[in-house]
PDB file of N, CA and C in Angstrom:
ATOM      1  N   MET A   1     -16.157 -11.918  -2.753  1.00  0.00           N
ATOM      2  CA  MET A   1     -16.540 -10.695  -2.473  1.00  0.00           C
ATOM      3  C   MET A   1     -15.264 -10.195  -1.558  1.00  0.00           C
ATOM      4  N   GLU A   2     -14.310 -10.948  -0.708  1.00  0.00           N
ATOM      5  CA  GLU A   2     -13.194 -10.566  -0.059  1.00  0.00           C
ATOM      6  C   GLU A   2     -12.261 -10.274  -1.251  1.00  0.00           C
ATOM      7  N   LEU A   3     -12.136 -10.634  -2.274  1.00  0.00           N
ATOM      8  CA  LEU A   3     -11.303  -9.920  -3.183  1.00  0.00           C
ATOM      9  C   LEU A   3     -11.671  -8.621  -3.778  1.00  0.00           C
ATOM     10  N   ILE A   4     -12.820  -8.357  -3.778  1.00  0.00           N
ATOM     11  CA  ILE A   4     -13.113  -7.111  -4.075  1.00  0.00           C
ATOM     12  C   ILE A   4     -12.905  -5.880  -3.055  1.00  0.00           C
ATOM     13  N   TRP A   5     -13.118  -6.522  -1.771  1.00  0.00           N
ATOM     14  CA  TRP A   5     -12.772  -5.599  -0.703  1.00  0.00           C
ATOM     15  C   TRP A   5     -11.304  -5.733  -0.621  1.00  0.00           C
ATOM     16  N   PHE A   6     -10.297  -6.275  -1.034  1.00  0.00           N
ATOM     17  CA  PHE A   6      -8.938  -6.298  -0.944  1.00  0.00           C
ATOM     18  C   PHE A   6      -8.613  -5.391  -2.003  1.00  0.00           C
ATOM     19  N   ILE A   7      -8.947  -5.354  -3.121  1.00  0.00           N
ATOM     20  CA  ILE A   7      -8.766  -4.485  -4.241  1.00  0.00           C
ATOM     21  C   ILE A   7      -9.054  -3.027  -3.923  1.00  0.00           C
ATOM     22  N   LEU A   8     -10.272  -3.018  -3.503  1.00  0.00           N
ATOM     23  CA  LEU A   8     -10.839  -1.606  -3.011  1.00  0.00           C
ATOM     24  C   LEU A   8      -9.698  -0.936  -2.006  1.00  0.00           C
ATOM     25  N   ILE A   9      -9.570  -1.644  -1.040  1.00  0.00           N
ATOM     26  CA  ILE A   9      -8.626  -1.175   0.125  1.00  0.00           C
ATOM     27  C   ILE A   9      -7.369  -1.065  -0.615  1.00  0.00           C
ATOM     28  N   GLY A  10      -6.636  -1.784  -1.285  1.00  0.00           N
ATOM     29  CA  GLY A  10      -5.574  -1.474  -1.682  1.00  0.00           C
ATOM     30  C   GLY A  10      -5.599  -0.197  -2.755  1.00  0.00           C
ATOM     31  N   ILE A  11      -6.477   0.085  -3.403  1.00  0.00           N
ATOM     32  CA  ILE A  11      -6.858   1.039  -4.063  1.00  0.00           C
ATOM     33  C   ILE A  11      -6.653   2.459  -3.345  1.00  0.00           C
ATOM     34  N   VAL A  12      -7.444   2.570  -2.337  1.00  0.00           N
ATOM     35  CA  VAL A  12      -7.528   3.694  -1.303  1.00  0.00           C
ATOM     36  C   VAL A  12      -6.167   3.808  -0.836  1.00  0.00           C
ATOM     37  N   ALA A  13      -5.412   2.716  -0.254  1.00  0.00           N
ATOM     38  CA  ALA A  13      -4.221   2.896   0.185  1.00  0.00           C
ATOM     39  C   ALA A  13      -3.174   3.387  -0.605  1.00  0.00           C
ATOM     40  N   GLY A  14      -3.292   2.992  -2.056  1.00  0.00           N
ATOM     41  CA  GLY A  14      -2.254   3.470  -2.875  1.00  0.00           C
ATOM     42  C   GLY A  14      -2.648   4.946  -3.051  1.00  0.00           C
ATOM     43  N   PHE A  15      -3.836   5.320  -3.392  1.00  0.00           N
ATOM     44  CA  PHE A  15      -4.043   6.941  -3.461  1.00  0.00           C
ATOM     45  C   PHE A  15      -3.435   7.655  -1.963  1.00  0.00           C
ATOM     46  N   LEU A  16      -3.784   7.030  -1.011  1.00  0.00           N
ATOM     47  CA  LEU A  16      -3.126   7.877   0.146  1.00  0.00           C
ATOM     48  C   LEU A  16      -1.612   7.744   0.198  1.00  0.00           C
ATOM     49  N   ALA A  17      -1.062   6.919  -0.068  1.00  0.00           N
ATOM     50  CA  ALA A  17       0.369   6.649  -0.198  1.00  0.00           C
ATOM     51  C   ALA A  17       1.033   7.653  -1.052  1.00  0.00           C
ATOM     52  N   GLY A  18       0.420   7.645  -2.338  1.00  0.00           N
ATOM     53  CA  GLY A  18       0.667   8.660  -3.311  1.00  0.00           C
ATOM     54  C   GLY A  18       0.636  10.207  -3.078  1.00  0.00           C
ATOM     55  N   GLN A  19      -0.294  10.436  -2.170  1.00  0.00           N
ATOM     56  CA  GLN A  19      -0.448  11.819  -1.561  1.00  0.00           C
ATOM     57  C   GLN A  19       0.523  12.098  -0.607  1.00  0.00           C
ATOM     58  N   LEU A  20       1.059  10.909   0.069  1.00  0.00           N
ATOM     59  CA  LEU A  20       1.760  11.249   1.183  1.00  0.00           C
ATOM     60  C   LEU A  20       3.298  11.537   0.913  1.00  0.00           C
ATOM     61  N   MET A  21       3.634  10.514  -0.184  1.00  0.00           N
ATOM     62  CA  MET A  21       4.852  10.360  -0.891  1.00  0.00           C
ATOM     63  C   MET A  21       5.067  11.388  -2.064  1.00  0.00           C
ATOM     64  N   LYS A  22       4.754  12.652  -2.057  1.00  0.00           N
ATOM     65  CA  LYS A  22       4.634  13.627  -3.079  1.00  0.00           C
ATOM     66  C   LYS A  22       5.926  13.505  -3.723  1.00  0.00           C
ATOM     67  N   GLY A  23       6.099  13.689  -4.995  1.00  0.00           N
ATOM     68  CA  GLY A  23       7.271  13.724  -5.705  1.00  0.00           C
ATOM     69  C   GLY A  23       8.021  12.265  -5.803  1.00  0.00           C
ATOM     70  N   LYS A  24       7.440  10.998  -5.179  1.00  0.00           N
ATOM     71  CA  LYS A  24       8.010  10.005  -5.275  1.00  0.00           C
ATOM     72  C   LYS A  24       6.895   9.045  -5.990  1.00  0.00           C
ATOM     73  N   GLY A  25       5.762   9.638  -6.388  1.00  0.00           N
ATOM     74  CA  GLY A  25       4.756   8.897  -6.982  1.00  0.00           C
ATOM     75  C   GLY A  25       5.047   8.820  -8.396  1.00  0.00           C
ATOM     76  N   PHE A  26       4.027   7.977  -9.018  1.00  0.00           N
ATOM     77  CA  PHE A  26       4.054   7.636 -10.525  1.00  0.00           C
ATOM     78  C   PHE A  26       3.038   7.896 -11.388  1.00  0.00           C
ATOM     79  N   GLY A  27       1.964   8.623 -10.715  1.00  0.00           N
ATOM     80  CA  GLY A  27       0.782   8.867 -11.348  1.00  0.00           C
ATOM     81  C   GLY A  27      -0.190   8.019 -10.849  1.00  0.00           C
ATOM     82  N   VAL A  28      -1.556   8.324 -10.947  1.00  0.00           N
ATOM     83  CA  VAL A  28      -2.511   7.898 -10.216  1.00  0.00           C
ATOM     84  C   VAL A  28      -2.945   6.361 -10.313  1.00  0.00           C
ATOM     85  N   VAL A  29      -2.671   6.095 -11.773  1.00  0.00           N
ATOM     86  CA  VAL A  29      -2.981   4.650 -12.043  1.00  0.00           C
ATOM     87  C   VAL A  29      -2.000   3.891 -11.322  1.00  0.00           C
ATOM     88  N   ILE A  30      -0.676   3.995 -11.645  1.00  0.00           N
ATOM     89  CA  ILE A  30       0.458   3.294 -11.175  1.00  0.00           C
ATOM     90  C   ILE A  30       0.479   3.125  -9.436  1.00  0.00           C
ATOM     91  N   ASN A  31       0.013   4.510  -8.977  1.00  0.00           N
ATOM     92  CA  ASN A  31      -0.041   4.336  -7.358  1.00  0.00           C
ATOM     93  C   ASN A  31      -1.005   3.690  -6.928  1.00  0.00           C
ATOM     94  N   LEU A  32      -2.037   3.479  -7.432  1.00  0.00           N
ATOM     95  CA  LEU A  32      -3.293   2.536  -7.271  1.00  0.00           C
ATOM     96  C   LEU A  32      -2.766   1.255  -7.455  1.00  0.00           C
ATOM     97  N   LEU A  33      -2.138   0.926  -8.250  1.00  0.00           N
ATOM     98  CA  LEU A  33      -1.658  -0.682  -8.447  1.00  0.00           C
ATOM     99  C   LEU A  33      -0.721  -0.843  -7.482  1.00  0.00           C
ATOM    100  N   VAL A  34       0.188   0.106  -7.071  1.00  0.00           N
ATOM    101  CA  VAL A  34       1.078  -0.053  -5.936  1.00  0.00           C
ATOM    102  C   VAL A  34       0.526  -0.150  -4.653  1.00  0.00           C
ATOM    103  N   GLY A  35      -0.960   0.309  -4.548  1.00  0.00           N
ATOM    104  CA  GLY A  35      -1.508   0.124  -3.365  1.00  0.00           C
ATOM    105  C   GLY A  35      -2.070  -1.442  -3.144  1.00  0.00           C
ATOM    106  N   VAL A  36      -2.288  -1.881  -4.212  1.00  0.00           N
ATOM    107  CA  VAL A  36      -2.847  -3.253  -4.297  1.00  0.00           C
ATOM    108  C   VAL A  36      -1.468  -4.223  -3.814  1.00  0.00           C
ATOM    109  N   GLY A  37      -0.353  -4.057  -4.498  1.00  0.00           N
ATOM    110  CA  GLY A  37       0.615  -4.739  -4.186  1.00  0.00           C
ATOM    111  C   GLY A  37       1.142  -4.506  -2.898  1.00  0.00           C
ATOM    112  N   GLY A  38       1.084  -3.178  -2.466  1.00  0.00           N
ATOM    113  CA  GLY A  38       1.333  -2.631  -1.195  1.00  0.00           C
ATOM    114  C   GLY A  38       0.585  -3.420  -0.025  1.00  0.00           C
ATOM    115  N   ALA A  39      -0.585  -3.543  -0.218  1.00  0.00           N
ATOM    116  CA  ALA A  39      -1.521  -4.366   0.479  1.00  0.00           C
ATOM    117  C   ALA A  39      -0.769  -5.837   0.831  1.00  0.00           C
ATOM    118  N   ILE A  40      -0.628  -6.473  -0.119  1.00  0.00           N
ATOM    119  CA  ILE A  40       0.246  -7.823  -0.011  1.00  0.00           C
ATOM    120  C   ILE A  40       1.298  -7.626   0.602  1.00  0.00           C
ATOM    121  N   LEU A  41       2.219  -6.747   0.522  1.00  0.00           N
ATOM    122  CA  LEU A  41       3.496  -6.466   0.878  1.00  0.00           C
ATOM    123  C   LEU A  41       3.267  -5.878   2.536  1.00  0.00           C
ATOM    124  N   GLY A  42       2.356  -5.139   2.714  1.00  0.00           N
ATOM    125  CA  GLY A  42       2.131  -4.770   4.133  1.00  0.00           C
ATOM    126  C   GLY A  42       1.696  -5.974   4.983  1.00  0.00           C
ATOM    127  N   GLY A  43       0.810  -6.776   4.370  1.00  0.00           N
ATOM    128  CA  GLY A  43       0.317  -7.954   5.315  1.00  0.00           C
ATOM    129  C   GLY A  43       1.580  -9.178   5.672  1.00  0.00           C
ATOM    130  N   TRP A  44       2.167  -9.142   4.440  1.00  0.00           N
ATOM    131  CA  TRP A  44       3.555 -10.031   4.798  1.00  0.00           C
ATOM    132  C   TRP A  44       4.506  -9.451   5.736  1.00  0.00           C
ATOM    133  N   LEU A  45       4.798  -7.975   5.559  1.00  0.00           N
ATOM    134  CA  LEU A  45       5.950  -7.526   6.367  1.00  0.00           C
ATOM    135  C   LEU A  45       5.309  -7.257   7.756  1.00  0.00           C
ATOM    136  N   LEU A  46       4.198  -6.948   8.017  1.00  0.00           N
ATOM    137  CA  LEU A  46       3.683  -6.956   9.344  1.00  0.00           C
ATOM    138  C   LEU A  46       3.687  -8.189  10.009  1.00  0.00           C
ATOM    139  N   GLY A  47       3.334  -9.230   9.259  1.00  0.00           N
ATOM    140  CA  GLY A  47       3.434 -10.727  10.013  1.00  0.00           C
ATOM    141  C   GLY A  47       4.820 -11.212  10.273  1.00  0.00           C
ATOM    142  N   VAL A  48       5.679 -10.635   9.427  1.00  0.00           N
ATOM    143  CA  VAL A  48       7.097 -11.149   9.882  1.00  0.00           C
ATOM    144  C   VAL A  48       7.639 -10.563  10.920  1.00  0.00           C
ATOM    145  N   LEU A  49       7.136  -9.119  11.222  1.00  0.00           N
ATOM    146  CA  LEU A  49       7.604  -8.295  12.227  1.00  0.00           C
ATOM    147  C   LEU A  49       6.923  -8.419  13.565  1.00  0.00           C
ATOM    148  N   GLY A  50       5.629  -9.312  13.394  1.00  0.00           N
ATOM    149  CA  GLY A  50       5.050  -9.538  14.617  1.00  0.00           C
ATOM    150  C   GLY A  50       3.968  -8.518  14.968  1.00  0.00           C
ATOM    151  N   PHE A  51       3.507  -7.690  13.864  1.00  0.00           N
ATOM    152  CA  PHE A  51       2.635  -6.384  14.451  1.00  0.00           C
ATOM    153  C   PHE A  51       1.314  -6.706  13.825  1.00  0.00           C
ATOM    154  N   SER A  52       0.232  -6.307  14.323  1.00  0.00           N
ATOM    155  CA  SER A  52      -0.916  -6.561  14.010  1.00  0.00           C
ATOM    156  C   SER A  52      -1.726  -5.312  14.104  1.00  0.00           C
ATOM    157  N   PHE A  53      -2.569  -4.743  13.223  1.00  0.00           N
ATOM    158  CA  PHE A  53      -3.441  -3.724  13.436  1.00  0.00           C
ATOM    159  C   PHE A  53      -5.194  -4.357  13.639  1.00  0.00           C
ATOM    160  N   GLY A  54      -5.113  -5.410  13.702  1.00  0.00           N
ATOM    161  CA  GLY A  54      -6.304  -6.052  14.075  1.00  0.00           C
ATOM    162  C   GLY A  54      -6.981  -6.244  12.626  1.00  0.00           C
ATOM    163  N   GLY A  55      -8.270  -6.943  12.713  1.00  0.00           N
ATOM    164  CA  GLY A  55      -8.834  -7.325  11.394  1.00  0.00           C
ATOM    165  C   GLY A  55      -9.568  -6.070  11.041  1.00  0.00           C
ATOM    166  N   GLY A  56     -10.704  -6.261  10.146  1.00  0.00           N
ATOM    167  CA  GLY A  56     -11.850  -5.271   9.803  1.00  0.00           C
ATOM    168  C   GLY A  56     -11.051  -4.373   8.720  1.00  0.00           C
ATOM    169  N   LEU A  57     -12.039  -3.029   8.439  1.00  0.00           N
ATOM    170  CA  LEU A  57     -11.622  -2.472   7.333  1.00  0.00           C
ATOM    171  C   LEU A  57     -10.586  -1.326   7.961  1.00  0.00           C
ATOM    172  N   ILE A  58     -10.383  -0.804   8.981  1.00  0.00           N
ATOM    173  CA  ILE A  58      -9.365   0.165   9.422  1.00  0.00           C
ATOM    174  C   ILE A  58      -8.013  -0.386   9.586  1.00  0.00           C
ATOM    175  N   GLY A  59      -7.857  -1.862  10.003  1.00  0.00           N
ATOM    176  CA  GLY A  59      -6.660  -2.643  10.176  1.00  0.00           C
ATOM    177  C   GLY A  59      -6.201  -2.820   9.288  1.00  0.00           C
ATOM    178  N   SER A  60      -7.206  -3.325   8.207  1.00  0.00           N
ATOM    179  CA  SER A  60      -6.486  -3.631   6.687  1.00  0.00           C
ATOM    180  C   SER A  60      -6.221  -2.344   5.873  1.00  0.00           C
ATOM    181  N   LEU A  61      -7.005  -1.239   6.011  1.00  0.00           N
ATOM    182  CA  LEU A  61      -6.438  -0.100   5.535  1.00  0.00           C
ATOM    183  C   LEU A  61      -5.284   0.262   5.864  1.00  0.00           C
ATOM    184  N   VAL A  62      -4.830   0.342   7.222  1.00  0.00           N
ATOM    185  CA  VAL A  62      -3.447   0.852   7.580  1.00  0.00           C
ATOM    186  C   VAL A  62      -2.386   0.044   7.289  1.00  0.00           C
ATOM    187  N   THR A  63      -2.824  -1.464   7.287  1.00  0.00           N
ATOM    188  CA  THR A  63      -1.635  -2.629   6.839  1.00  0.00           C
ATOM    189  C   THR A  63      -1.539  -2.294   5.193  1.00  0.00           C
ATOM    190  N   ALA A  64      -2.547  -2.061   4.553  1.00  0.00           N
ATOM    191  CA  ALA A  64      -2.370  -1.856   3.091  1.00  0.00           C
ATOM    192  C   ALA A  64      -1.453  -0.210   2.733  1.00  0.00           C
ATOM    193  N   PHE A  65      -1.868   0.723   3.542  1.00  0.00           N
ATOM    194  CA  PHE A  65      -1.177   2.044   3.666  1.00  0.00           C
ATOM    195  C   PHE A  65       0.328   1.814   3.543  1.00  0.00           C
ATOM    196  N   LEU A  66       0.539   1.180   4.829  1.00  0.00           N
ATOM    197  CA  LEU A  66       2.034   1.172   5.263  1.00  0.00           C
ATOM    198  C   LEU A  66       2.761   0.304   4.223  1.00  0.00           C
ATOM    199  N   GLY A  67       2.301  -0.841   3.776  1.00  0.00           N
ATOM    200  CA  GLY A  67       2.812  -1.524   2.622  1.00  0.00           C
ATOM    201  C   GLY A  67       3.084  -0.851   1.390  1.00  0.00           C
ATOM    202  N   ALA A  68       1.952  -0.027   1.023  1.00  0.00           N
ATOM    203  CA  ALA A  68       1.921   0.910  -0.277  1.00  0.00           C
ATOM    204  C   ALA A  68       3.374   1.921  -0.048  1.00  0.00           C
ATOM    205  N   VAL A  69       3.285   2.467   1.247  1.00  0.00           N
ATOM    206  CA  VAL A  69       4.245   3.654   1.415  1.00  0.00           C
ATOM    207  C   VAL A  69       5.803   2.939   1.077  1.00  0.00           C
ATOM    208  N   VAL A  70       5.961   1.760   1.762  1.00  0.00           N
ATOM    209  CA  VAL A  70       7.141   1.107   1.740  1.00  0.00           C
ATOM    210  C   VAL A  70       7.335   0.554   0.301  1.00  0.00           C
ATOM    211  N   LEU A  71       6.600   0.115  -0.411  1.00  0.00           N
ATOM    212  CA  LEU A  71       6.730  -0.186  -1.874  1.00  0.00           C
ATOM    213  C   LEU A  71       6.910   0.998  -2.805  1.00  0.00           C
ATOM    214  N   LEU A  72       6.413   2.138  -2.487  1.00  0.00           N
ATOM    215  CA  LEU A  72       6.796   3.398  -3.090  1.00  0.00           C
ATOM    216  C   LEU A  72       8.049   3.796  -2.977  1.00  0.00           C
ATOM    217  N   PHE A  73       8.534   3.676  -1.810  1.00  0.00           N
ATOM    218  CA  PHE A  73       9.761   4.045  -1.447  1.00  0.00           C
ATOM    219  C   PHE A  73      10.775   3.413  -2.325  1.00  0.00           C
ATOM    220  N   ILE A  74      10.513   1.988  -2.185  1.00  0.00           N
ATOM    221  CA  ILE A  74      11.703   0.921  -2.829  1.00  0.00           C
ATOM    222  C   ILE A  74      11.543   1.285  -4.283  1.00  0.00           C
ATOM    223  N   ILE A  75      10.357   1.577  -4.934  1.00  0.00           N
ATOM    224  CA  ILE A  75      10.489   1.650  -6.248  1.00  0.00           C
ATOM    225  C   ILE A  75      10.880   2.874  -6.791  1.00  0.00           C
ATOM    226  N   SER A  76      10.765   4.121  -5.993  1.00  0.00           N
ATOM    227  CA  SER A  76      11.477   5.160  -6.165  1.00  0.00           C
ATOM    228  C   SER A  76      12.988   5.378  -6.030  1.00  0.00           C
ATOM    229  N   LEU A  77      13.440   4.203  -5.346  1.00  0.00           N
ATOM    230  CA  LEU A  77      14.982   4.036  -5.497  1.00  0.00           C
ATOM    231  C   LEU A  77      15.681   3.659  -6.912  1.00  0.00           C
ATOM    232  N   PHE A  78      14.777   3.183  -7.704  1.00  0.00           N
ATOM    233  CA  PHE A  78      15.069   2.622  -8.996  1.00  0.00           C
ATOM    234  C   PHE A  78      14.553   3.531  -9.860  1.00  0.00           C
ATOM    235  N   LYS A  79      13.725   4.496  -9.599  1.00  0.00           N
ATOM    236  CA  LYS A  79      13.181   5.696 -10.467  1.00  0.00           C
ATOM    237  C   LYS A  79      14.439   6.399 -11.144  1.00  0.00           C
ATOM    238  N   LYS A  80      14.370   6.520 -12.343  1.00  0.00           N
ATOM    239  CA  LYS A  80      15.370   7.507 -12.862  1.00  0.00           C
ATOM    240  C   LYS A  80      14.884   8.951 -12.928  1.00  0.00           C
ATOM    241  N   LYS A  81      15.721   9.912 -12.453  1.00  0.00           N
ATOM    242  CA  LYS A  81      15.504  11.057 -12.030  1.00  0.00           C
ATOM    243  C   LYS A  81      15.693  12.005 -13.456  1.00  0.00           C
TER     244      LYS A  81
END
């Protein structure tokens, strides 16, 4: 059940990050996948930096959202214009 929540939170985070990063997104499907990857990246990155938004749905969503924004930015650096 935790895996399903992880994926759903990543999808929502990817959607929100895609909305924030207008012009740097890659379409809805890719942004959703980036959200799931961003959830992993966000958890790792915030752990390394020593930050925590607490547990629960909101903390997980904020962590995944920040990770998705960072991941979309990194990917956009390699995107052909």
